[in-house]
Amino acid sequence: QVQLVESGGGLVQPGGSLRLSCAASGSIVSIYAMGWYRQTPGKQRELVATVTSGGSTNYADSVKGRFTISRDNAKNTVYLQMDSLKPEDTAVYFCRLSSYYGTNYWGQGTQVTVSS
């Protein structure tokens, strides 16, 4: 079994920054990619950013130029640096780990609130 533990969420003013972390532990085999998704009430979970084991990244258009995803393969940890935050970035952010076998694992989510 794989466990994902997220941290770093909180309340920040518009224009501020937050850094999310997600550490994976357990029976980790052949990680293909790790990433961040977010969800607001009544809406589907949406992709924010992903990074493969080879370092290739993908971002949602809404966060390009403001968010940066990075990964420490040795620590099985993925980070999301969020700068220039906007109220519309308010959501629960979820970490996901995807294996080469097609299995996805999710974290419990961390709340990010952008408000003055």
PDB file of N, CA and C in Angstrom:
ATOM      1  N   GLN A   1       0.848  -1.190   0.000  1.00  0.00           N
ATOM      2  CA  GLN A   1       0.000   0.000   0.000  1.00  0.00           C
ATOM      3  C   GLN A   1       0.886   1.242   0.000  1.00  0.00           C
ATOM      4  N   VAL A   2       0.387   2.281  -0.636  1.00  0.00           N
ATOM      5  CA  VAL A   2       1.112   3.542  -0.736  1.00  0.00           C
ATOM      6  C   VAL A   2       0.358   4.608   0.048  1.00  0.00           C
ATOM      7  N   GLN A   3       1.093   5.377   0.824  1.00  0.00           N
ATOM      8  CA  GLN A   3       0.497   6.501   1.549  1.00  0.00           C
ATOM      9  C   GLN A   3       1.097   7.801   1.035  1.00  0.00           C
ATOM     10  N   LEU A   4       0.234   8.789   0.872  1.00  0.00           N
ATOM     11  CA  LEU A   4       0.662  10.122   0.455  1.00  0.00           C
ATOM     12  C   LEU A   4       0.238  11.110   1.538  1.00  0.00           C
ATOM     13  N   VAL A   5       1.183  11.890   2.015  1.00  0.00           N
ATOM     14  CA  VAL A   5       0.894  12.864   3.064  1.00  0.00           C
ATOM     15  C   VAL A   5       1.229  14.255   2.546  1.00  0.00           C
ATOM     16  N   GLU A   6       0.205  15.102   2.460  1.00  0.00           N
ATOM     17  CA  GLU A   6       0.368  16.464   1.974  1.00  0.00           C
ATOM     18  C   GLU A   6       0.515  17.423   3.142  1.00  0.00           C
ATOM     19  N   SER A   7       1.193  18.507   2.894  1.00  0.00           N
ATOM     20  CA  SER A   7       1.333  19.563   3.892  1.00  0.00           C
ATOM     21  C   SER A   7       1.585  20.882   3.181  1.00  0.00           C
ATOM     22  N   GLY A   8       1.408  21.988   3.905  1.00  0.00           N
ATOM     23  CA  GLY A   8       1.732  23.292   3.374  1.00  0.00           C
ATOM     24  C   GLY A   8       0.560  24.171   3.010  1.00  0.00           C
ATOM     25  N   GLY A   9      -0.655  23.647   3.098  1.00  0.00           N
ATOM     26  CA  GLY A   9      -1.810  24.477   2.781  1.00  0.00           C
ATOM     27  C   GLY A   9      -2.066  25.514   3.861  1.00  0.00           C
ATOM     28  N   GLY A  10      -3.016  26.410   3.581  1.00  0.00           N
ATOM     29  CA  GLY A  10      -3.339  27.428   4.567  1.00  0.00           C
ATOM     30  C   GLY A  10      -4.036  28.609   3.942  1.00  0.00           C
ATOM     31  N   LEU A  11      -4.072  29.695   4.691  1.00  0.00           N
ATOM     32  CA  LEU A  11      -4.706  30.937   4.258  1.00  0.00           C
ATOM     33  C   LEU A  11      -3.632  31.931   3.851  1.00  0.00           C
ATOM     34  N   VAL A  12      -3.808  32.535   2.695  1.00  0.00           N
ATOM     35  CA  VAL A  12      -2.846  33.510   2.202  1.00  0.00           C
ATOM     36  C   VAL A  12      -3.595  34.624   1.496  1.00  0.00           C
ATOM     37  N   GLN A  13      -3.017  35.805   1.508  1.00  0.00           N
ATOM     38  CA  GLN A  13      -3.636  36.938   0.822  1.00  0.00           C
ATOM     39  C   GLN A  13      -3.376  36.860  -0.676  1.00  0.00           C
ATOM     40  N   PRO A  14      -4.232  37.468  -1.477  1.00  0.00           N
ATOM     41  CA  PRO A  14      -3.978  37.524  -2.922  1.00  0.00           C
ATOM     42  C   PRO A  14      -2.592  38.108  -3.201  1.00  0.00           C
ATOM     43  N   GLY A  15      -1.908  37.475  -4.149  1.00  0.00           N
ATOM     44  CA  GLY A  15      -0.547  37.884  -4.471  1.00  0.00           C
ATOM     45  C   GLY A  15       0.512  37.175  -3.651  1.00  0.00           C
ATOM     46  N   GLY A  16       0.105  36.453  -2.653  1.00  0.00           N
ATOM     47  CA  GLY A  16       1.044  35.751  -1.787  1.00  0.00           C
ATOM     48  C   GLY A  16       1.491  34.423  -2.354  1.00  0.00           C
ATOM     49  N   SER A  17       2.268  33.713  -1.539  1.00  0.00           N
ATOM     50  CA  SER A  17       2.840  32.433  -1.974  1.00  0.00           C
ATOM     51  C   SER A  17       2.616  31.356  -0.924  1.00  0.00           C
ATOM     52  N   LEU A  18       2.548  30.128  -1.409  1.00  0.00           N
ATOM     53  CA  LEU A  18       2.509  28.951  -0.554  1.00  0.00           C
ATOM     54  C   LEU A  18       3.307  27.850  -1.233  1.00  0.00           C
ATOM     55  N   ARG A  19       3.827  26.936  -0.426  1.00  0.00           N
ATOM     56  CA  ARG A  19       4.524  25.782  -0.969  1.00  0.00           C
ATOM     57  C   ARG A  19       3.906  24.517  -0.384  1.00  0.00           C
ATOM     58  N   LEU A  20       3.387  23.684  -1.278  1.00  0.00           N
ATOM     59  CA  LEU A  20       2.820  22.409  -0.868  1.00  0.00           C
ATOM     60  C   LEU A  20       3.858  21.306  -1.014  1.00  0.00           C
ATOM     61  N   SER A  21       3.789  20.342  -0.103  1.00  0.00           N
ATOM     62  CA  SER A  21       4.662  19.174  -0.174  1.00  0.00           C
ATOM     63  C   SER A  21       3.822  17.914  -0.099  1.00  0.00           C
ATOM     64  N   CYS A  22       4.289  16.870  -0.755  1.00  0.00           N
ATOM     65  CA  CYS A  22       3.608  15.581  -0.709  1.00  0.00           C
ATOM     66  C   CYS A  22       4.676  14.498  -0.642  1.00  0.00           C
ATOM     67  N   ALA A  23       4.675  13.759   0.456  1.00  0.00           N
ATOM     68  CA  ALA A  23       5.650  12.695   0.653  1.00  0.00           C
ATOM     69  C   ALA A  23       4.975  11.339   0.508  1.00  0.00           C
ATOM     70  N   ALA A  24       5.556  10.494  -0.320  1.00  0.00           N
ATOM     71  CA  ALA A  24       5.019   9.153  -0.539  1.00  0.00           C
ATOM     72  C   ALA A  24       5.802   8.133   0.275  1.00  0.00           C
ATOM     73  N   SER A  25       5.096   7.163   0.833  1.00  0.00           N
ATOM     74  CA  SER A  25       5.739   6.101   1.591  1.00  0.00           C
ATOM     75  C   SER A  25       4.970   4.805   1.395  1.00  0.00           C
ATOM     76  N   GLY A  26       5.577   3.704   1.833  1.00  0.00           N
ATOM     77  CA  GLY A  26       4.916   2.411   1.703  1.00  0.00           C
ATOM     78  C   GLY A  26       5.517   1.588   0.586  1.00  0.00           C
ATOM     79  N   SER A  27       4.688   0.789  -0.055  1.00  0.00           N
ATOM     80  CA  SER A  27       5.140  -0.130  -1.107  1.00  0.00           C
ATOM     81  C   SER A  27       5.225   0.618  -2.438  1.00  0.00           C
ATOM     82  N   ILE A  28       6.241   1.453  -2.547  1.00  0.00           N
ATOM     83  CA  ILE A  28       6.384   2.292  -3.740  1.00  0.00           C
ATOM     84  C   ILE A  28       7.218   1.559  -4.772  1.00  0.00           C
ATOM     85  N   VAL A  29       6.616   1.288  -5.908  1.00  0.00           N
ATOM     86  CA  VAL A  29       7.314   0.593  -6.978  1.00  0.00           C
ATOM     87  C   VAL A  29       7.025   1.304  -8.289  1.00  0.00           C
ATOM     88  N   SER A  30       8.076   1.594  -9.021  1.00  0.00           N
ATOM     89  CA  SER A  30       7.936   2.120 -10.388  1.00  0.00           C
ATOM     90  C   SER A  30       6.994   3.312 -10.476  1.00  0.00           C
ATOM     91  N   ILE A  31       7.409   4.410  -9.868  1.00  0.00           N
ATOM     92  CA  ILE A  31       6.626   5.642  -9.971  1.00  0.00           C
ATOM     93  C   ILE A  31       6.803   6.222 -11.363  1.00  0.00           C
ATOM     94  N   TYR A  32       5.694   6.473 -12.048  1.00  0.00           N
ATOM     95  CA  TYR A  32       5.757   7.129 -13.353  1.00  0.00           C
ATOM     96  C   TYR A  32       5.684   8.643 -13.206  1.00  0.00           C
ATOM     97  N   ALA A  33       4.730   9.094 -12.415  1.00  0.00           N
ATOM     98  CA  ALA A  33       4.558  10.536 -12.272  1.00  0.00           C
ATOM     99  C   ALA A  33       3.926  10.850 -10.928  1.00  0.00           C
ATOM    100  N   MET A  34       4.148  12.069 -10.492  1.00  0.00           N
ATOM    101  CA  MET A  34       3.448  12.612  -9.329  1.00  0.00           C
ATOM    102  C   MET A  34       2.896  13.965  -9.725  1.00  0.00           C
ATOM    103  N   GLY A  35       1.823  14.348  -9.074  1.00  0.00           N
ATOM    104  CA  GLY A  35       1.223  15.602  -9.470  1.00  0.00           C
ATOM    105  C   GLY A  35       0.253  16.144  -8.453  1.00  0.00           C
ATOM    106  N   TRP A  36      -0.283  17.300  -8.790  1.00  0.00           N
ATOM    107  CA  TRP A  36      -1.245  17.997  -7.946  1.00  0.00           C
ATOM    108  C   TRP A  36      -2.523  18.259  -8.731  1.00  0.00           C
ATOM    109  N   TYR A  37      -3.625  18.056  -8.063  1.00  0.00           N
ATOM    110  CA  TYR A  37      -4.942  18.333  -8.594  1.00  0.00           C
ATOM    111  C   TYR A  37      -5.675  19.169  -7.551  1.00  0.00           C
ATOM    112  N   ARG A  38      -6.740  19.839  -7.971  1.00  0.00           N
ATOM    113  CA  ARG A  38      -7.506  20.628  -7.016  1.00  0.00           C
ATOM    114  C   ARG A  38      -8.996  20.504  -7.304  1.00  0.00           C
ATOM    115  N   GLN A  39      -9.757  20.769  -6.253  1.00  0.00           N
ATOM    116  CA  GLN A  39     -11.204  20.617  -6.368  1.00  0.00           C
ATOM    117  C   GLN A  39     -11.901  21.640  -5.484  1.00  0.00           C
ATOM    118  N   THR A  40     -12.959  22.238  -6.041  1.00  0.00           N
ATOM    119  CA  THR A  40     -13.824  23.136  -5.292  1.00  0.00           C
ATOM    120  C   THR A  40     -15.209  22.507  -5.208  1.00  0.00           C
ATOM    121  N   PRO A  41     -16.014  22.917  -4.246  1.00  0.00           N
ATOM    122  CA  PRO A  41     -17.340  22.307  -4.071  1.00  0.00           C
ATOM    123  C   PRO A  41     -18.178  22.370  -5.341  1.00  0.00           C
ATOM    124  N   GLY A  42     -18.752  21.244  -5.706  1.00  0.00           N
ATOM    125  CA  GLY A  42     -19.624  21.185  -6.855  1.00  0.00           C
ATOM    126  C   GLY A  42     -18.924  21.063  -8.192  1.00  0.00           C
ATOM    127  N   LYS A  43     -17.600  21.011  -8.170  1.00  0.00           N
ATOM    128  CA  LYS A  43     -16.851  20.909  -9.423  1.00  0.00           C
ATOM    129  C   LYS A  43     -15.998  19.653  -9.430  1.00  0.00           C
ATOM    130  N   GLN A  44     -15.626  19.235 -10.645  1.00  0.00           N
ATOM    131  CA  GLN A  44     -14.770  18.072 -10.767  1.00  0.00           C
ATOM    132  C   GLN A  44     -13.339  18.424 -10.381  1.00  0.00           C
ATOM    133  N   ARG A  45     -12.632  17.416  -9.936  1.00  0.00           N
ATOM    134  CA  ARG A  45     -11.219  17.598  -9.630  1.00  0.00           C
ATOM    135  C   ARG A  45     -10.476  17.897 -10.938  1.00  0.00           C
ATOM    136  N   GLU A  46      -9.580  18.875 -10.894  1.00  0.00           N
ATOM    137  CA  GLU A  46      -8.871  19.279 -12.107  1.00  0.00           C
ATOM    138  C   GLU A  46      -7.368  19.219 -11.899  1.00  0.00           C
ATOM    139  N   LEU A  47      -6.678  18.980 -13.003  1.00  0.00           N
ATOM    140  CA  LEU A  47      -5.230  18.926 -12.973  1.00  0.00           C
ATOM    141  C   LEU A  47      -4.651  20.310 -12.724  1.00  0.00           C
ATOM    142  N   VAL A  48      -3.640  20.368 -11.868  1.00  0.00           N
ATOM    143  CA  VAL A  48      -2.887  21.601 -11.655  1.00  0.00           C
ATOM    144  C   VAL A  48      -1.515  21.476 -12.323  1.00  0.00           C
ATOM    145  N   ALA A  49      -0.773  20.448 -11.944  1.00  0.00           N
ATOM    146  CA  ALA A  49       0.557  20.240 -12.512  1.00  0.00           C
ATOM    147  C   ALA A  49       1.009  18.813 -12.230  1.00  0.00           C
ATOM    148  N   THR A  50       1.798  18.266 -13.168  1.00  0.00           N
ATOM    149  CA  THR A  50       2.375  16.938 -12.975  1.00  0.00           C
ATOM    150  C   THR A  50       3.847  16.958 -13.373  1.00  0.00           C
ATOM    151  N   VAL A  51       4.583  15.998 -12.817  1.00  0.00           N
ATOM    152  CA  VAL A  51       5.986  15.831 -13.181  1.00  0.00           C
ATOM    153  C   VAL A  51       6.279  14.338 -13.245  1.00  0.00           C
ATOM    154  N   THR A  52       6.935  13.918 -14.335  1.00  0.00           N
ATOM    155  CA  THR A  52       7.263  12.502 -14.493  1.00  0.00           C
ATOM    156  C   THR A  52       8.585  12.188 -13.792  1.00  0.00           C
ATOM    157  N   SER A  53       8.891  10.917 -13.709  1.00  0.00           N
ATOM    158  CA  SER A  53      10.150  10.509 -13.092  1.00  0.00           C
ATOM    159  C   SER A  53      11.347  11.024 -13.888  1.00  0.00           C
ATOM    160  N   GLY A  54      11.125  11.285 -15.169  1.00  0.00           N
ATOM    161  CA  GLY A  54      12.187  11.837 -15.987  1.00  0.00           C
ATOM    162  C   GLY A  54      12.300  13.350 -15.942  1.00  0.00           C
ATOM    163  N   GLY A  55      11.357  13.981 -15.235  1.00  0.00           N
ATOM    164  CA  GLY A  55      11.427  15.424 -15.064  1.00  0.00           C
ATOM    165  C   GLY A  55      10.545  16.243 -15.990  1.00  0.00           C
ATOM    166  N   SER A  56       9.788  15.592 -16.848  1.00  0.00           N
ATOM    167  CA  SER A  56       8.883  16.336 -17.728  1.00  0.00           C
ATOM    168  C   SER A  56       7.706  16.874 -16.925  1.00  0.00           C
ATOM    169  N   THR A  57       7.358  18.122 -17.181  1.00  0.00           N
ATOM    170  CA  THR A  57       6.288  18.769 -16.432  1.00  0.00           C
ATOM    171  C   THR A  57       5.128  19.149 -17.344  1.00  0.00           C
ATOM    172  N   ASN A  58       3.973  19.276 -16.725  1.00  0.00           N
ATOM    173  CA  ASN A  58       2.759  19.688 -17.423  1.00  0.00           C
ATOM    174  C   ASN A  58       1.957  20.559 -16.464  1.00  0.00           C
ATOM    175  N   TYR A  59       1.448  21.676 -16.968  1.00  0.00           N
ATOM    176  CA  TYR A  59       0.709  22.613 -16.132  1.00  0.00           C
ATOM    177  C   TYR A  59      -0.646  22.950 -16.753  1.00  0.00           C
ATOM    178  N   ALA A  60      -1.606  23.209 -15.898  1.00  0.00           N
ATOM    179  CA  ALA A  60      -2.865  23.775 -16.365  1.00  0.00           C
ATOM    180  C   ALA A  60      -2.583  25.191 -16.848  1.00  0.00           C
ATOM    181  N   ASP A  61      -3.293  25.619 -17.869  1.00  0.00           N
ATOM    182  CA  ASP A  61      -3.085  26.957 -18.415  1.00  0.00           C
ATOM    183  C   ASP A  61      -3.286  28.031 -17.338  1.00  0.00           C
ATOM    184  N   SER A  62      -4.191  27.785 -16.430  1.00  0.00           N
ATOM    185  CA  SER A  62      -4.534  28.792 -15.424  1.00  0.00           C
ATOM    186  C   SER A  62      -3.417  29.045 -14.416  1.00  0.00           C
ATOM    187  N   VAL A  63      -2.439  28.145 -14.345  1.00  0.00           N
ATOM    188  CA  VAL A  63      -1.373  28.317 -13.351  1.00  0.00           C
ATOM    189  C   VAL A  63       0.001  28.502 -13.987  1.00  0.00           C
ATOM    190  N   LYS A  64       0.086  28.403 -15.293  1.00  0.00           N
ATOM    191  CA  LYS A  64       1.375  28.567 -15.975  1.00  0.00           C
ATOM    192  C   LYS A  64       1.986  29.924 -15.656  1.00  0.00           C
ATOM    193  N   GLY A  65       3.269  29.909 -15.322  1.00  0.00           N
ATOM    194  CA  GLY A  65       3.965  31.144 -14.997  1.00  0.00           C
ATOM    195  C   GLY A  65       3.836  31.559 -13.555  1.00  0.00           C
ATOM    196  N   ARG A  66       2.941  30.904 -12.805  1.00  0.00           N
ATOM    197  CA  ARG A  66       2.756  31.242 -11.387  1.00  0.00           C
ATOM    198  C   ARG A  66       3.119  30.080 -10.471  1.00  0.00           C
ATOM    199  N   PHE A  67       2.856  28.867 -10.913  1.00  0.00           N
ATOM    200  CA  PHE A  67       3.124  27.669 -10.098  1.00  0.00           C
ATOM    201  C   PHE A  67       4.310  26.916 -10.687  1.00  0.00           C
ATOM    202  N   THR A  68       5.072  26.283  -9.808  1.00  0.00           N
ATOM    203  CA  THR A  68       6.196  25.465 -10.226  1.00  0.00           C
ATOM    204  C   THR A  68       6.162  24.138  -9.481  1.00  0.00           C
ATOM    205  N   ILE A  69       6.173  23.046 -10.246  1.00  0.00           N
ATOM    206  CA  ILE A  69       6.200  21.724  -9.630  1.00  0.00           C
ATOM    207  C   ILE A  69       7.625  21.184  -9.689  1.00  0.00           C
ATOM    208  N   SER A  70       8.019  20.517  -8.625  1.00  0.00           N
ATOM    209  CA  SER A  70       9.344  19.901  -8.593  1.00  0.00           C
ATOM    210  C   SER A  70       9.265  18.598  -7.821  1.00  0.00           C
ATOM    211  N   ARG A  71      10.316  17.813  -7.973  1.00  0.00           N
ATOM    212  CA  ARG A  71      10.261  16.468  -7.389  1.00  0.00           C
ATOM    213  C   ARG A  71      11.629  16.061  -6.896  1.00  0.00           C
ATOM    214  N   ASP A  72      11.649  15.428  -5.745  1.00  0.00           N
ATOM    215  CA  ASP A  72      12.869  14.841  -5.195  1.00  0.00           C
ATOM    216  C   ASP A  72      12.689  13.329  -5.255  1.00  0.00           C
ATOM    217  N   ASN A  73      13.256  12.708  -6.269  1.00  0.00           N
ATOM    218  CA  ASN A  73      13.059  11.271  -6.464  1.00  0.00           C
ATOM    219  C   ASN A  73      13.620  10.456  -5.301  1.00  0.00           C
ATOM    220  N   ALA A  74      14.716  10.905  -4.730  1.00  0.00           N
ATOM    221  CA  ALA A  74      15.335  10.166  -3.624  1.00  0.00           C
ATOM    222  C   ALA A  74      14.430  10.125  -2.399  1.00  0.00           C
ATOM    223  N   LYS A  75      13.628  11.181  -2.233  1.00  0.00           N
ATOM    224  CA  LYS A  75      12.734  11.269  -1.068  1.00  0.00           C
ATOM    225  C   LYS A  75      11.292  10.920  -1.421  1.00  0.00           C
ATOM    226  N   ASN A  76      11.038  10.575  -2.689  1.00  0.00           N
ATOM    227  CA  ASN A  76       9.658  10.303  -3.136  1.00  0.00           C
ATOM    228  C   ASN A  76       8.719  11.428  -2.735  1.00  0.00           C
ATOM    229  N   THR A  77       9.171  12.635  -2.959  1.00  0.00           N
ATOM    230  CA  THR A  77       8.414  13.814  -2.557  1.00  0.00           C
ATOM    231  C   THR A  77       8.236  14.745  -3.745  1.00  0.00           C
ATOM    232  N   VAL A  78       7.052  15.326  -3.835  1.00  0.00           N
ATOM    233  CA  VAL A  78       6.763  16.308  -4.875  1.00  0.00           C
ATOM    234  C   VAL A  78       6.334  17.604  -4.197  1.00  0.00           C
ATOM    235  N   TYR A  79       6.736  18.715  -4.810  1.00  0.00           N
ATOM    236  CA  TYR A  79       6.450  20.041  -4.269  1.00  0.00           C
ATOM    237  C   TYR A  79       5.671  20.857  -5.290  1.00  0.00           C
ATOM    238  N   LEU A  80       4.902  21.802  -4.779  1.00  0.00           N
ATOM    239  CA  LEU A  80       4.217  22.756  -5.642  1.00  0.00           C
ATOM    240  C   LEU A  80       4.426  24.142  -5.052  1.00  0.00           C
ATOM    241  N   GLN A  81       5.266  24.925  -5.710  1.00  0.00           N
ATOM    242  CA  GLN A  81       5.474  26.317  -5.309  1.00  0.00           C
ATOM    243  C   GLN A  81       4.420  27.153  -6.004  1.00  0.00           C
ATOM    244  N   MET A  82       3.619  27.830  -5.217  1.00  0.00           N
ATOM    245  CA  MET A  82       2.517  28.620  -5.758  1.00  0.00           C
ATOM    246  C   MET A  82       2.775  30.093  -5.451  1.00  0.00           C
ATOM    247  N   ASP A  83       2.986  30.869  -6.489  1.00  0.00           N
ATOM    248  CA  ASP A  83       3.228  32.298  -6.351  1.00  0.00           C
ATOM    249  C   ASP A  83       2.100  33.090  -7.009  1.00  0.00           C
ATOM    250  N   SER A  84       2.036  34.367  -6.684  1.00  0.00           N
ATOM    251  CA  SER A  84       1.014  35.250  -7.260  1.00  0.00           C
ATOM    252  C   SER A  84      -0.366  34.623  -7.153  1.00  0.00           C
ATOM    253  N   LEU A  85      -0.687  34.138  -5.983  1.00  0.00           N
ATOM    254  CA  LEU A  85      -1.954  33.425  -5.790  1.00  0.00           C
ATOM    255  C   LEU A  85      -3.145  34.352  -5.969  1.00  0.00           C
ATOM    256  N   LYS A  86      -4.214  33.777  -6.525  1.00  0.00           N
ATOM    257  CA  LYS A  86      -5.442  34.498  -6.786  1.00  0.00           C
ATOM    258  C   LYS A  86      -6.589  33.853  -5.999  1.00  0.00           C
ATOM    259  N   PRO A  87      -7.648  34.593  -5.725  1.00  0.00           N
ATOM    260  CA  PRO A  87      -8.789  33.988  -5.029  1.00  0.00           C
ATOM    261  C   PRO A  87      -9.323  32.744  -5.737  1.00  0.00           C
ATOM    262  N   GLU A  88      -9.243  32.721  -7.054  1.00  0.00           N
ATOM    263  CA  GLU A  88      -9.740  31.554  -7.792  1.00  0.00           C
ATOM    264  C   GLU A  88      -8.858  30.324  -7.650  1.00  0.00           C
ATOM    265  N   ASP A  89      -7.720  30.468  -7.002  1.00  0.00           N
ATOM    266  CA  ASP A  89      -6.884  29.307  -6.696  1.00  0.00           C
ATOM    267  C   ASP A  89      -7.351  28.591  -5.435  1.00  0.00           C
ATOM    268  N   THR A  90      -8.313  29.188  -4.740  1.00  0.00           N
ATOM    269  CA  THR A  90      -8.850  28.567  -3.533  1.00  0.00           C
ATOM    270  C   THR A  90      -9.474  27.218  -3.861  1.00  0.00           C
ATOM    271  N   ALA A  91      -9.024  26.181  -3.169  1.00  0.00           N
ATOM    272  CA  ALA A  91      -9.499  24.823  -3.424  1.00  0.00           C
ATOM    273  C   ALA A  91      -8.845  23.867  -2.435  1.00  0.00           C
ATOM    274  N   VAL A  92      -9.311  22.638  -2.457  1.00  0.00           N
ATOM    275  CA  VAL A  92      -8.586  21.561  -1.777  1.00  0.00           C
ATOM    276  C   VAL A  92      -7.622  20.972  -2.799  1.00  0.00           C
ATOM    277  N   TYR A  93      -6.370  20.920  -2.440  1.00  0.00           N
ATOM    278  CA  TYR A  93      -5.336  20.417  -3.338  1.00  0.00           C
ATOM    279  C   TYR A  93      -4.985  18.982  -2.947  1.00  0.00           C
ATOM    280  N   PHE A  94      -4.975  18.121  -3.960  1.00  0.00           N
ATOM    281  CA  PHE A  94      -4.709  16.708  -3.756  1.00  0.00           C
ATOM    282  C   PHE A  94      -3.436  16.300  -4.484  1.00  0.00           C
ATOM    283  N   CYS A  95      -2.655  15.478  -3.839  1.00  0.00           N
ATOM    284  CA  CYS A  95      -1.472  14.902  -4.450  1.00  0.00           C
ATOM    285  C   CYS A  95      -1.848  13.549  -5.066  1.00  0.00           C
ATOM    286  N   ARG A  96      -1.273  13.248  -6.219  1.00  0.00           N
ATOM    287  CA  ARG A  96      -1.503  11.950  -6.851  1.00  0.00           C
ATOM    288  C   ARG A  96      -0.188  11.331  -7.281  1.00  0.00           C
ATOM    289  N   LEU A  97      -0.081  10.032  -7.069  1.00  0.00           N
ATOM    290  CA  LEU A  97       1.065   9.255  -7.536  1.00  0.00           C
ATOM    291  C   LEU A  97       0.547   8.250  -8.556  1.00  0.00           C
ATOM    292  N   SER A  98       1.182   8.205  -9.705  1.00  0.00           N
ATOM    293  CA  SER A  98       0.799   7.269 -10.765  1.00  0.00           C
ATOM    294  C   SER A  98       1.942   6.292 -11.002  1.00  0.00           C
ATOM    295  N   SER A  99       1.623   5.005 -10.973  1.00  0.00           N
ATOM    296  CA  SER A  99       2.663   4.017 -11.206  1.00  0.00           C
ATOM    297  C   SER A  99       2.692   3.614 -12.677  1.00  0.00           C
ATOM    298  N   TYR A 100       3.760   2.951 -13.074  1.00  0.00           N
ATOM    299  CA  TYR A 100       3.875   2.453 -14.442  1.00  0.00           C
ATOM    300  C   TYR A 100       2.852   1.360 -14.724  1.00  0.00           C
ATOM    301  N   TYR A 101       2.276   0.783 -13.663  1.00  0.00           N
ATOM    302  CA  TYR A 101       1.276  -0.264 -13.828  1.00  0.00           C
ATOM    303  C   TYR A 101      -0.126   0.306 -13.990  1.00  0.00           C
ATOM    304  N   GLY A 102      -0.226   1.635 -13.988  1.00  0.00           N
ATOM    305  CA  GLY A 102      -1.523   2.260 -14.202  1.00  0.00           C
ATOM    306  C   GLY A 102      -2.330   2.496 -12.945  1.00  0.00           C
ATOM    307  N   THR A 103      -1.718   2.288 -11.789  1.00  0.00           N
ATOM    308  CA  THR A 103      -2.412   2.520 -10.532  1.00  0.00           C
ATOM    309  C   THR A 103      -2.185   3.952 -10.059  1.00  0.00           C
ATOM    310  N   ASN A 104      -3.256   4.578  -9.598  1.00  0.00           N
ATOM    311  CA  ASN A 104      -3.167   5.929  -9.053  1.00  0.00           C
ATOM    312  C   ASN A 104      -3.467   5.914  -7.556  1.00  0.00           C
ATOM    313  N   TYR A 105      -2.689   6.661  -6.821  1.00  0.00           N
ATOM    314  CA  TYR A 105      -2.892   6.814  -5.376  1.00  0.00           C
ATOM    315  C   TYR A 105      -3.101   8.293  -5.080  1.00  0.00           C
ATOM    316  N   TRP A 106      -3.996   8.571  -4.136  1.00  0.00           N
ATOM    317  CA  TRP A 106      -4.339   9.951  -3.799  1.00  0.00           C
ATOM    318  C   TRP A 106      -4.045  10.243  -2.339  1.00  0.00           C
ATOM    319  N   GLY A 107      -3.652  11.488  -2.079  1.00  0.00           N
ATOM    320  CA  GLY A 107      -3.527  11.967  -0.719  1.00  0.00           C
ATOM    321  C   GLY A 107      -4.880  12.403  -0.189  1.00  0.00           C
ATOM    322  N   GLN A 108      -4.885  12.852   1.052  1.00  0.00           N
ATOM    323  CA  GLN A 108      -6.141  13.220   1.707  1.00  0.00           C
ATOM    324  C   GLN A 108      -6.577  14.638   1.382  1.00  0.00           C
ATOM    325  N   GLY A 109      -5.684  15.417   0.801  1.00  0.00           N
ATOM    326  CA  GLY A 109      -6.016  16.787   0.422  1.00  0.00           C
ATOM    327  C   GLY A 109      -5.607  17.803   1.472  1.00  0.00           C
ATOM    328  N   THR A 110      -5.272  18.987   0.992  1.00  0.00           N
ATOM    329  CA  THR A 110      -4.932  20.094   1.879  1.00  0.00           C
ATOM    330  C   THR A 110      -5.613  21.357   1.369  1.00  0.00           C
ATOM    331  N   GLN A 111      -6.203  22.110   2.274  1.00  0.00           N
ATOM    332  CA  GLN A 111      -6.982  23.288   1.895  1.00  0.00           C
ATOM    333  C   GLN A 111      -6.063  24.476   1.633  1.00  0.00           C
ATOM    334  N   VAL A 112      -6.292  25.130   0.517  1.00  0.00           N
ATOM    335  CA  VAL A 112      -5.631  26.396   0.189  1.00  0.00           C
ATOM    336  C   VAL A 112      -6.715  27.450   0.032  1.00  0.00           C
ATOM    337  N   THR A 113      -6.610  28.517   0.803  1.00  0.00           N
ATOM    338  CA  THR A 113      -7.577  29.602   0.749  1.00  0.00           C
ATOM    339  C   THR A 113      -6.846  30.901   0.471  1.00  0.00           C
ATOM    340  N   VAL A 114      -7.253  31.565  -0.601  1.00  0.00           N
ATOM    341  CA  VAL A 114      -6.657  32.842  -0.988  1.00  0.00           C
ATOM    342  C   VAL A 114      -7.716  33.912  -0.783  1.00  0.00           C
ATOM    343  N   SER A 115      -7.495  34.749   0.209  1.00  0.00           N
ATOM    344  CA  SER A 115      -8.500  35.738   0.570  1.00  0.00           C
ATOM    345  C   SER A 115      -7.863  36.866   1.363  1.00  0.00           C
ATOM    346  N   SER A 116      -8.404  38.055   1.169  1.00  0.00           N
ATOM    347  CA  SER A 116      -7.923  39.202   1.947  1.00  0.00           C
ATOM    348  C   SER A 116      -8.758  39.373   3.208  1.00  0.00           C
TER     349      SER A 116
END
